[in-house]
Amino acid sequence: MLRQIRHWFYRPAIRMGPVDNSRIHTTRVKNAQFVSYLTESGFRRVNADRYESSLRRRRLLKQGLLLLLIGGGAWIVIESAKALSTF
């Protein structure tokens, strides 16, 4: 809720006008020299297997925490029911 309130009252420091993109020249042909330089220099070389395994670990951790929360909630409900039944 605090985040929504901050979003409502957010005012950027600099007011930007409309952007004219007509002066930007783009081409569909890639610069082969630049691409070969990037591949030779190893720019942004990421091991996909390591990344996917880290995503798998994160997902398992999230599922484990969710199971712990659900189990803890169920335990509280069961213990509360036992306590109420004794009185």
Protein backbone atom coordinates (compact mmCIF):
# COMPACT_ATOMS: atom_id res chain seq x y z
CA MET A 1 0.00 0.00 0.00
CA LEU A 2 2.87 2.33 0.78
CA ARG A 3 4.22 1.58 -2.67
CA GLN A 4 0.95 2.65 -4.30
CA ILE A 5 0.89 5.88 -2.33
CA ARG A 6 4.46 6.68 -3.38
CA HIS A 7 3.49 5.91 -6.98
CA TRP A 8 0.57 8.36 -6.83
CA PHE A 9 2.74 11.18 -5.48
CA TYR A 10 5.77 10.46 -7.65
CA ARG A 11 6.94 13.44 -9.69
CA PRO A 12 10.00 13.06 -11.88
CA ALA A 13 12.69 15.69 -11.47
CA ILE A 14 12.82 16.42 -15.19
CA ARG A 15 9.70 16.66 -17.33
CA MET A 16 10.37 15.08 -20.70
CA GLY A 17 8.50 16.10 -23.83
CA PRO A 18 7.49 13.90 -26.72
CA VAL A 19 10.34 11.96 -28.30
CA ASP A 20 11.04 12.26 -32.03
CA ASN A 21 12.45 8.93 -33.22
CA SER A 22 12.30 9.80 -36.91
CA ARG A 23 15.93 10.97 -36.92
CA ILE A 24 17.25 7.59 -35.74
CA HIS A 25 18.41 5.52 -38.69
CA THR A 26 18.16 1.78 -38.18
CA THR A 27 19.09 -1.06 -40.47
CA ARG A 28 18.27 -4.74 -40.51
CA VAL A 29 21.79 -5.68 -41.60
CA LYS A 30 24.10 -6.49 -38.69
CA ASN A 31 27.60 -5.11 -38.59
CA ALA A 32 29.59 -8.30 -39.12
CA GLN A 33 32.86 -6.84 -37.82
CA PHE A 34 31.24 -5.72 -34.60
CA VAL A 35 29.51 -9.07 -34.07
CA SER A 36 32.74 -10.98 -34.70
CA TYR A 37 34.56 -8.70 -32.24
CA LEU A 38 31.95 -9.45 -29.58
CA THR A 39 32.17 -13.19 -30.12
CA GLU A 40 35.98 -13.17 -30.05
CA SER A 41 36.19 -11.03 -26.95
CA GLY A 42 33.74 -13.26 -25.07
CA PHE A 43 31.31 -10.45 -24.33
CA ARG A 44 28.39 -11.69 -22.23
CA ARG A 45 29.34 -15.31 -22.41
CA VAL A 46 26.91 -17.06 -20.07
CA ASN A 47 26.82 -20.74 -19.30
CA ALA A 48 23.19 -21.61 -19.95
CA ASP A 49 23.39 -24.82 -17.95
CA ARG A 50 24.60 -22.98 -14.86
CA TYR A 51 21.88 -20.36 -15.25
CA GLU A 52 19.16 -22.98 -15.68
CA SER A 53 20.41 -24.92 -12.68
CA SER A 54 20.32 -21.76 -10.56
CA LEU A 55 16.74 -21.16 -11.71
CA ARG A 56 15.89 -24.74 -10.76
CA ARG A 57 17.43 -24.26 -7.31
CA ARG A 58 15.49 -21.04 -6.79
CA ARG A 59 12.25 -22.72 -7.79
CA LEU A 60 12.90 -25.64 -5.42
CA LEU A 61 13.75 -23.23 -2.61
CA LYS A 62 10.53 -21.29 -3.19
CA GLN A 63 8.50 -24.49 -3.23
CA GLY A 64 10.20 -25.67 -0.04
CA LEU A 65 9.48 -22.40 1.73
CA LEU A 66 5.88 -22.52 0.56
CA LEU A 67 5.52 -26.06 1.90
CA LEU A 68 7.03 -24.99 5.22
CA LEU A 69 4.57 -22.09 5.47
CA ILE A 70 1.62 -24.31 4.63
CA GLY A 71 2.81 -26.95 7.08
CA GLY A 72 3.32 -24.34 9.80
CA GLY A 73 -0.16 -22.93 9.20
CA ALA A 74 -1.70 -26.39 9.34
CA TRP A 75 0.20 -27.14 12.56
CA ILE A 76 -1.11 -23.92 14.15
CA VAL A 77 -4.68 -24.76 13.12
CA ILE A 78 -4.41 -28.32 14.51
CA GLU A 79 -2.86 -27.19 17.78
CA SER A 80 -5.48 -24.43 18.16
CA ALA A 81 -8.25 -26.97 17.59
CA LYS A 82 -6.71 -29.29 20.21
CA ALA A 83 -6.42 -26.43 22.69
CA LEU A 84 -10.02 -25.37 22.12
CA SER A 85 -11.27 -28.93 22.46
CA THR A 86 -9.60 -29.33 25.89
CA PHE A 87 -11.39 -26.26 27.27
